[in-house]
Amino acid sequence: MRFLKKTRAFFRWSLRRKLLLAFTVPLSLYSFFLFRFFQSNARFGERNKPVDIDNNVDMQLVRDISIVIKVVAKYSFWNNVCRHQAYQAKVLCRLYGIPYKIYVGFKKNEAGAIEGHAWTTVNGQFVTGFCVVEDYVVHSTFA
């Protein structure tokens, strides 16, 4: 029954979202191998570059990108963590000419260990890595 609901929901998706999904699955696998074996080649973009808010951005497209990245992260059997998702969002945003900003931040957890996190925003709205920003100390930003 659950599978049937998921299948019906998929067929209700727009063609654009289905094509984004078809592009994001291999992109996700690529980002896994990139961060796993070739970390020196993994780049988020230009560091500490200011990004202007662009009111002409298609926020429905941004939402489609966000949904597709979440779905791929949920159902992929390889490791698809926040930095991989931020990289995927970067590639898709560049493909569509959307100005994005990637944040890398750190916080201490309850055990006292330092945790890192990466998240992507477009016009101040989250695309990947949904978190409470106030909990993190931002180390660097990329655009």
C-alpha atoms as a PDB file:
ATOM      1  CA  MET A   1       0.000   0.000   0.000  1.00  0.00           C
ATOM      2  CA  ARG A   2       2.781   2.414   0.906  1.00  0.00           C
ATOM      3  CA  PHE A   3       4.643   1.653  -2.311  1.00  0.00           C
ATOM      4  CA  LEU A   4       1.469   2.313  -4.263  1.00  0.00           C
ATOM      5  CA  LYS A   5       1.070   5.730  -2.608  1.00  0.00           C
ATOM      6  CA  LYS A   6       4.674   6.631  -3.402  1.00  0.00           C
ATOM      7  CA  THR A   7       4.220   5.529  -7.013  1.00  0.00           C
ATOM      8  CA  ARG A   8       1.058   7.591  -7.405  1.00  0.00           C
ATOM      9  CA  ALA A   9       2.778  10.616  -5.896  1.00  0.00           C
ATOM     10  CA  PHE A  10       5.684  10.226  -8.317  1.00  0.00           C
ATOM     11  CA  PHE A  11       3.371  10.113 -11.334  1.00  0.00           C
ATOM     12  CA  ARG A  12       1.717  13.338 -10.156  1.00  0.00           C
ATOM     13  CA  TRP A  13       5.069  15.136 -10.274  1.00  0.00           C
ATOM     14  CA  SER A  14       5.687  17.606 -13.062  1.00  0.00           C
ATOM     15  CA  LEU A  15       7.916  16.632 -15.979  1.00  0.00           C
ATOM     16  CA  ARG A  16      10.535  19.129 -14.806  1.00  0.00           C
ATOM     17  CA  ARG A  17      10.709  17.498 -11.367  1.00  0.00           C
ATOM     18  CA  LYS A  18      11.006  14.027 -12.919  1.00  0.00           C
ATOM     19  CA  LEU A  19      13.843  15.213 -15.163  1.00  0.00           C
ATOM     20  CA  LEU A  20      15.551  16.820 -12.165  1.00  0.00           C
ATOM     21  CA  LEU A  21      15.295  13.486 -10.371  1.00  0.00           C
ATOM     22  CA  ALA A  22      16.813  11.656 -13.342  1.00  0.00           C
ATOM     23  CA  PHE A  23      19.721  14.126 -13.327  1.00  0.00           C
ATOM     24  CA  THR A  24      20.166  14.200  -9.548  1.00  0.00           C
ATOM     25  CA  VAL A  25      20.525  10.443  -8.980  1.00  0.00           C
ATOM     26  CA  PRO A  26      23.799  10.136 -10.957  1.00  0.00           C
ATOM     27  CA  LEU A  27      24.888  13.539  -9.620  1.00  0.00           C
ATOM     28  CA  SER A  28      24.416  12.208  -6.099  1.00  0.00           C
ATOM     29  CA  LEU A  29      26.535   9.157  -6.852  1.00  0.00           C
ATOM     30  CA  TYR A  30      29.172  11.399  -8.450  1.00  0.00           C
ATOM     31  CA  SER A  31      29.268  13.660  -5.376  1.00  0.00           C
ATOM     32  CA  PHE A  32      29.638  10.600  -3.127  1.00  0.00           C
ATOM     33  CA  PHE A  33      32.708   9.415  -5.052  1.00  0.00           C
ATOM     34  CA  LEU A  34      34.056  12.953  -5.340  1.00  0.00           C
ATOM     35  CA  PHE A  35      33.975  13.588  -1.593  1.00  0.00           C
ATOM     36  CA  ARG A  36      35.052  10.043  -0.788  1.00  0.00           C
ATOM     37  CA  PHE A  37      38.100   9.683  -3.052  1.00  0.00           C
ATOM     38  CA  PHE A  38      38.889  13.075  -4.629  1.00  0.00           C
ATOM     39  CA  GLN A  39      38.288  15.638  -1.861  1.00  0.00           C
ATOM     40  CA  SER A  40      40.857  18.042  -3.267  1.00  0.00           C
ATOM     41  CA  ASN A  41      38.703  18.385  -6.409  1.00  0.00           C
ATOM     42  CA  ALA A  42      35.449  19.015  -4.521  1.00  0.00           C
ATOM     43  CA  ARG A  43      34.773  22.751  -4.553  1.00  0.00           C
ATOM     44  CA  PHE A  44      31.659  24.559  -3.389  1.00  0.00           C
ATOM     45  CA  GLY A  45      32.467  27.754  -5.249  1.00  0.00           C
ATOM     46  CA  GLU A  46      34.096  31.079  -4.521  1.00  0.00           C
ATOM     47  CA  ARG A  47      34.711  31.632  -0.814  1.00  0.00           C
ATOM     48  CA  ASN A  48      33.040  34.542   1.045  1.00  0.00           C
ATOM     49  CA  LYS A  49      31.616  36.009  -2.160  1.00  0.00           C
ATOM     50  CA  PRO A  50      28.605  38.277  -1.566  1.00  0.00           C
ATOM     51  CA  VAL A  51      25.368  37.200  -3.239  1.00  0.00           C
ATOM     52  CA  ASP A  52      22.617  39.653  -4.093  1.00  0.00           C
ATOM     53  CA  ILE A  53      18.978  38.732  -3.623  1.00  0.00           C
ATOM     54  CA  ASP A  54      17.449  38.149  -7.041  1.00  0.00           C
ATOM     55  CA  ASN A  55      13.679  38.622  -7.122  1.00  0.00           C
ATOM     56  CA  ASN A  56      13.494  37.090 -10.612  1.00  0.00           C
ATOM     57  CA  VAL A  57      14.379  33.611  -9.348  1.00  0.00           C
ATOM     58  CA  ASP A  58      11.778  30.928 -10.031  1.00  0.00           C
ATOM     59  CA  MET A  59      11.168  29.801  -6.444  1.00  0.00           C
ATOM     60  CA  GLN A  60       9.056  26.886  -7.674  1.00  0.00           C
ATOM     61  CA  LEU A  61      12.157  25.583  -9.456  1.00  0.00           C
ATOM     62  CA  VAL A  62      14.169  26.070  -6.264  1.00  0.00           C
ATOM     63  CA  ARG A  63      11.526  24.105  -4.362  1.00  0.00           C
ATOM     64  CA  ASP A  64      11.660  21.342  -6.991  1.00  0.00           C
ATOM     65  CA  ILE A  65      15.448  21.174  -6.627  1.00  0.00           C
ATOM     66  CA  SER A  66      15.114  20.946  -2.855  1.00  0.00           C
ATOM     67  CA  ILE A  67      12.475  18.203  -2.993  1.00  0.00           C
ATOM     68  CA  VAL A  68      14.413  16.126  -5.504  1.00  0.00           C
ATOM     69  CA  ILE A  69      17.636  16.334  -3.481  1.00  0.00           C
ATOM     70  CA  LYS A  70      15.740  15.262  -0.338  1.00  0.00           C
ATOM     71  CA  VAL A  71      14.129  12.316  -2.140  1.00  0.00           C
ATOM     72  CA  VAL A  72      17.443  11.124  -3.573  1.00  0.00           C
ATOM     73  CA  ALA A  73      19.101  11.440  -0.150  1.00  0.00           C
ATOM     74  CA  LYS A  74      16.310   9.451   1.461  1.00  0.00           C
ATOM     75  CA  TYR A  75      16.282   6.541  -0.975  1.00  0.00           C
ATOM     76  CA  SER A  76      19.927   6.252  -2.054  1.00  0.00           C
ATOM     77  CA  PHE A  77      21.876   3.395  -0.505  1.00  0.00           C
ATOM     78  CA  TRP A  78      25.171   5.306  -0.611  1.00  0.00           C
ATOM     79  CA  ASN A  79      26.152   7.967   1.876  1.00  0.00           C
ATOM     80  CA  ASN A  80      24.440  11.241   0.902  1.00  0.00           C
ATOM     81  CA  VAL A  81      25.051  13.679   3.747  1.00  0.00           C
ATOM     82  CA  CYS A  82      24.729  17.456   3.975  1.00  0.00           C
ATOM     83  CA  ARG A  83      27.931  18.316   2.109  1.00  0.00           C
ATOM     84  CA  HIS A  84      26.966  16.033  -0.781  1.00  0.00           C
ATOM     85  CA  GLN A  85      23.516  17.611  -0.912  1.00  0.00           C
ATOM     86  CA  ALA A  86      25.016  21.114  -0.844  1.00  0.00           C
ATOM     87  CA  TYR A  87      27.252  20.164  -3.764  1.00  0.00           C
ATOM     88  CA  GLN A  88      24.274  18.803  -5.700  1.00  0.00           C
ATOM     89  CA  ALA A  89      22.346  22.017  -5.036  1.00  0.00           C
ATOM     90  CA  LYS A  90      25.346  24.020  -6.254  1.00  0.00           C
ATOM     91  CA  VAL A  91      25.494  22.103  -9.528  1.00  0.00           C
ATOM     92  CA  LEU A  92      21.750  22.387 -10.143  1.00  0.00           C
ATOM     93  CA  CYS A  93      21.629  26.085  -9.219  1.00  0.00           C
ATOM     94  CA  ARG A  94      24.527  26.838 -11.548  1.00  0.00           C
ATOM     95  CA  LEU A  95      22.824  24.846 -14.299  1.00  0.00           C
ATOM     96  CA  TYR A  96      19.742  27.055 -14.013  1.00  0.00           C
ATOM     97  CA  GLY A  97      21.612  30.304 -13.256  1.00  0.00           C
ATOM     98  CA  ILE A  98      20.206  30.635  -9.739  1.00  0.00           C
ATOM     99  CA  PRO A  99      22.315  32.629  -7.242  1.00  0.00           C
ATOM    100  CA  TYR A 100      22.959  30.402  -4.218  1.00  0.00           C
ATOM    101  CA  LYS A 101      24.937  30.535  -1.001  1.00  0.00           C
ATOM    102  CA  ILE A 102      26.467  27.540   0.780  1.00  0.00           C
ATOM    103  CA  TYR A 103      27.272  27.816   4.476  1.00  0.00           C
ATOM    104  CA  VAL A 104      29.619  25.560   6.430  1.00  0.00           C
ATOM    105  CA  GLY A 105      29.185  25.755  10.182  1.00  0.00           C
ATOM    106  CA  PHE A 106      30.142  23.974  13.381  1.00  0.00           C
ATOM    107  CA  LYS A 107      28.559  23.405  16.783  1.00  0.00           C
ATOM    108  CA  LYS A 108      29.206  21.403  19.931  1.00  0.00           C
ATOM    109  CA  ASN A 109      26.770  18.598  20.632  1.00  0.00           C
ATOM    110  CA  GLU A 110      25.604  17.403  24.068  1.00  0.00           C
ATOM    111  CA  ALA A 111      28.636  15.113  24.406  1.00  0.00           C
ATOM    112  CA  GLY A 112      30.999  18.024  23.761  1.00  0.00           C
ATOM    113  CA  ALA A 113      32.101  16.831  20.327  1.00  0.00           C
ATOM    114  CA  ILE A 114      32.229  19.268  17.425  1.00  0.00           C
ATOM    115  CA  GLU A 115      29.783  18.614  14.589  1.00  0.00           C
ATOM    116  CA  GLY A 116      30.009  20.134  11.140  1.00  0.00           C
ATOM    117  CA  HIS A 117      27.099  20.937   8.862  1.00  0.00           C
ATOM    118  CA  ALA A 118      26.603  22.420   5.392  1.00  0.00           C
ATOM    119  CA  TRP A 119      23.443  24.050   4.104  1.00  0.00           C
ATOM    120  CA  THR A 120      22.382  25.869   0.959  1.00  0.00           C
ATOM    121  CA  THR A 121      20.116  28.887   0.644  1.00  0.00           C
ATOM    122  CA  VAL A 122      18.589  30.814  -2.230  1.00  0.00           C
ATOM    123  CA  ASN A 123      17.212  34.270  -1.424  1.00  0.00           C
ATOM    124  CA  GLY A 124      17.390  33.387   2.269  1.00  0.00           C
ATOM    125  CA  GLN A 125      15.311  30.200   1.901  1.00  0.00           C
ATOM    126  CA  PHE A 126      16.756  26.765   2.618  1.00  0.00           C
ATOM    127  CA  VAL A 127      17.380  24.424  -0.287  1.00  0.00           C
ATOM    128  CA  THR A 128      19.375  21.750   1.577  1.00  0.00           C
ATOM    129  CA  GLY A 129      20.578  21.087   5.107  1.00  0.00           C
ATOM    130  CA  PHE A 130      17.567  22.434   6.985  1.00  0.00           C
ATOM    131  CA  CYS A 131      18.775  23.370  10.469  1.00  0.00           C
ATOM    132  CA  VAL A 132      18.539  25.981  13.194  1.00  0.00           C
ATOM    133  CA  VAL A 133      21.160  28.429  11.968  1.00  0.00           C
ATOM    134  CA  GLU A 134      21.583  30.032  15.399  1.00  0.00           C
ATOM    135  CA  ASP A 135      22.971  26.733  16.740  1.00  0.00           C
ATOM    136  CA  TYR A 136      25.957  26.883  14.379  1.00  0.00           C
ATOM    137  CA  VAL A 137      29.006  29.093  14.131  1.00  0.00           C
ATOM    138  CA  VAL A 138      29.444  29.806  10.428  1.00  0.00           C
ATOM    139  CA  HIS A 139      32.986  28.984   9.384  1.00  0.00           C
ATOM    140  CA  SER A 140      32.776  29.955   5.724  1.00  0.00           C
ATOM    141  CA  THR A 141      30.354  30.754   2.942  1.00  0.00           C
ATOM    142  CA  PHE A 142      30.555  29.922  -0.738  1.00  0.00           C
ATOM    143  CA  ALA A 143      28.793  31.289  -3.807  1.00  0.00           C
END
